[in-house]
Amino acid sequence: REIAEMLGISKSDVEKHLHQLDMVSRYDV
């Protein structure tokens, strides 16, 4: 269960990073 939670958090972090990169990319352009 702990591993599942960690994976879930990691997945959420990845999505956040992707969103941030996407936003930065738009601003950069």
PDB file of N, CA and C in Angstrom:
ATOM      1  N   ARG A   1       0.849  -1.206   0.000  1.00  0.00           N
ATOM      2  CA  ARG A   1       0.000   0.000   0.000  1.00  0.00           C
ATOM      3  C   ARG A   1       0.879   1.248   0.000  1.00  0.00           C
ATOM      4  N   GLU A   2       1.924   1.223   0.811  1.00  0.00           N
ATOM      5  CA  GLU A   2       2.805   2.396   0.869  1.00  0.00           C
ATOM      6  C   GLU A   2       3.391   2.681  -0.513  1.00  0.00           C
ATOM      7  N   ILE A   3       3.813   1.599  -1.183  1.00  0.00           N
ATOM      8  CA  ILE A   3       4.395   1.778  -2.521  1.00  0.00           C
ATOM      9  C   ILE A   3       3.361   2.412  -3.451  1.00  0.00           C
ATOM     10  N   ALA A   4       2.123   1.928  -3.382  1.00  0.00           N
ATOM     11  CA  ALA A   4       1.070   2.475  -4.243  1.00  0.00           C
ATOM     12  C   ALA A   4       0.918   3.967  -3.973  1.00  0.00           C
ATOM     13  N   GLU A   5       0.933   4.335  -2.705  1.00  0.00           N
ATOM     14  CA  GLU A   5       0.782   5.756  -2.364  1.00  0.00           C
ATOM     15  C   GLU A   5       1.952   6.550  -2.931  1.00  0.00           C
ATOM     16  N   MET A   6       3.155   6.020  -2.771  1.00  0.00           N
ATOM     17  CA  MET A   6       4.343   6.709  -3.293  1.00  0.00           C
ATOM     18  C   MET A   6       4.234   6.863  -4.804  1.00  0.00           C
ATOM     19  N   LEU A   7       3.811   5.797  -5.479  1.00  0.00           N
ATOM     20  CA  LEU A   7       3.673   5.866  -6.937  1.00  0.00           C
ATOM     21  C   LEU A   7       2.639   6.922  -7.303  1.00  0.00           C
ATOM     22  N   GLY A   8       1.539   6.953  -6.565  1.00  0.00           N
ATOM     23  CA  GLY A   8       0.484   7.928  -6.844  1.00  0.00           C
ATOM     24  C   GLY A   8       1.026   9.338  -6.694  1.00  0.00           C
ATOM     25  N   ILE A   9       1.781   9.552  -5.617  1.00  0.00           N
ATOM     26  CA  ILE A   9       2.339  10.891  -5.382  1.00  0.00           C
ATOM     27  C   ILE A   9       3.309  11.230  -6.516  1.00  0.00           C
ATOM     28  N   SER A  10       4.143  10.260  -6.883  1.00  0.00           N
ATOM     29  CA  SER A  10       5.113  10.504  -7.946  1.00  0.00           C
ATOM     30  C   SER A  10       4.379  10.864  -9.233  1.00  0.00           C
ATOM     31  N   LYS A  11       3.331  10.110  -9.544  1.00  0.00           N
ATOM     32  CA  LYS A  11       2.571  10.370 -10.762  1.00  0.00           C
ATOM     33  C   LYS A  11       2.012  11.789 -10.723  1.00  0.00           C
ATOM     34  N   SER A  12       1.484  12.185  -9.564  1.00  0.00           N
ATOM     35  CA  SER A  12       0.922  13.531  -9.428  1.00  0.00           C
ATOM     36  C   SER A  12       2.025  14.556  -9.630  1.00  0.00           C
ATOM     37  N   ASP A  13       3.195  14.298  -9.051  1.00  0.00           N
ATOM     38  CA  ASP A  13       4.319  15.229  -9.200  1.00  0.00           C
ATOM     39  C   ASP A  13       4.687  15.357 -10.673  1.00  0.00           C
ATOM     40  N   VAL A  14       4.743  14.232 -11.364  1.00  0.00           N
ATOM     41  CA  VAL A  14       5.096  14.252 -12.787  1.00  0.00           C
ATOM     42  C   VAL A  14       4.104  15.123 -13.549  1.00  0.00           C
ATOM     43  N   GLU A  15       2.821  14.942 -13.276  1.00  0.00           N
ATOM     44  CA  GLU A  15       1.801  15.737 -13.971  1.00  0.00           C
ATOM     45  C   GLU A  15       2.015  17.218 -13.680  1.00  0.00           C
ATOM     46  N   LYS A  16       2.296  17.545 -12.415  1.00  0.00           N
ATOM     47  CA  LYS A  16       2.527  18.953 -12.046  1.00  0.00           C
ATOM     48  C   LYS A  16       3.712  19.496 -12.825  1.00  0.00           C
ATOM     49  N   HIS A  17       4.793  18.725 -12.889  1.00  0.00           N
ATOM     50  CA  HIS A  17       5.984  19.178 -13.608  1.00  0.00           C
ATOM     51  C   HIS A  17       5.656  19.388 -15.078  1.00  0.00           C
ATOM     52  N   LEU A  18       4.910  18.459 -15.666  1.00  0.00           N
ATOM     53  CA  LEU A  18       4.543  18.587 -17.079  1.00  0.00           C
ATOM     54  C   LEU A  18       3.735  19.857 -17.290  1.00  0.00           C
ATOM     55  N   HIS A  19       2.782  20.118 -16.398  1.00  0.00           N
ATOM     56  CA  HIS A  19       1.957  21.324 -16.526  1.00  0.00           C
ATOM     57  C   HIS A  19       2.833  22.561 -16.411  1.00  0.00           C
ATOM     58  N   GLN A  20       3.757  22.561 -15.455  1.00  0.00           N
ATOM     59  CA  GLN A  20       4.643  23.714 -15.262  1.00  0.00           C
ATOM     60  C   GLN A  20       5.483  23.925 -16.513  1.00  0.00           C
ATOM     61  N   LEU A  21       6.049  22.860 -17.044  1.00  0.00           N
ATOM     62  CA  LEU A  21       6.873  22.977 -18.249  1.00  0.00           C
ATOM     63  C   LEU A  21       6.029  23.516 -19.400  1.00  0.00           C
ATOM     64  N   ASP A  22       4.805  23.023 -19.535  1.00  0.00           N
ATOM     65  CA  ASP A  22       3.924  23.473 -20.610  1.00  0.00           C
ATOM     66  C   ASP A  22       3.650  24.966 -20.464  1.00  0.00           C
ATOM     67  N   MET A  23       3.360  25.401 -19.240  1.00  0.00           N
ATOM     68  CA  MET A  23       3.073  26.818 -18.996  1.00  0.00           C
ATOM     69  C   MET A  23       4.308  27.661 -19.291  1.00  0.00           C
ATOM     70  N   VAL A  24       5.459  27.205 -18.828  1.00  0.00           N
ATOM     71  CA  VAL A  24       6.706  27.947 -19.068  1.00  0.00           C
ATOM     72  C   VAL A  24       6.957  28.030 -20.570  1.00  0.00           C
ATOM     73  N   SER A  25       6.716  26.931 -21.268  1.00  0.00           N
ATOM     74  CA  SER A  25       6.939  26.902 -22.710  1.00  0.00           C
ATOM     75  C   SER A  25       6.069  27.963 -23.380  1.00  0.00           C
ATOM     76  N   ARG A  26       4.808  28.044 -22.978  1.00  0.00           N
ATOM     77  CA  ARG A  26       3.900  29.035 -23.571  1.00  0.00           C
ATOM     78  C   ARG A  26       4.406  30.445 -23.290  1.00  0.00           C
ATOM     79  N   TYR A  27       4.817  30.680 -22.039  1.00  0.00           N
ATOM     80  CA  TYR A  27       5.307  32.020 -21.684  1.00  0.00           C
ATOM     81  C   TYR A  27       6.576  32.325 -22.470  1.00  0.00           C
ATOM     82  N   ASP A  28       7.450  31.325 -22.600  1.00  0.00           N
ATOM     83  CA  ASP A  28       8.711  31.532 -23.308  1.00  0.00           C
ATOM     84  C   ASP A  28       8.426  31.953 -24.742  1.00  0.00           C
ATOM     85  N   VAL A  29       7.419  31.332 -25.344  1.00  0.00           N
ATOM     86  CA  VAL A  29       7.074  31.666 -26.734  1.00  0.00           C
ATOM     87  C   VAL A  29       6.424  33.034 -26.723  1.00  0.00           C
TER      88      VAL A  29
END
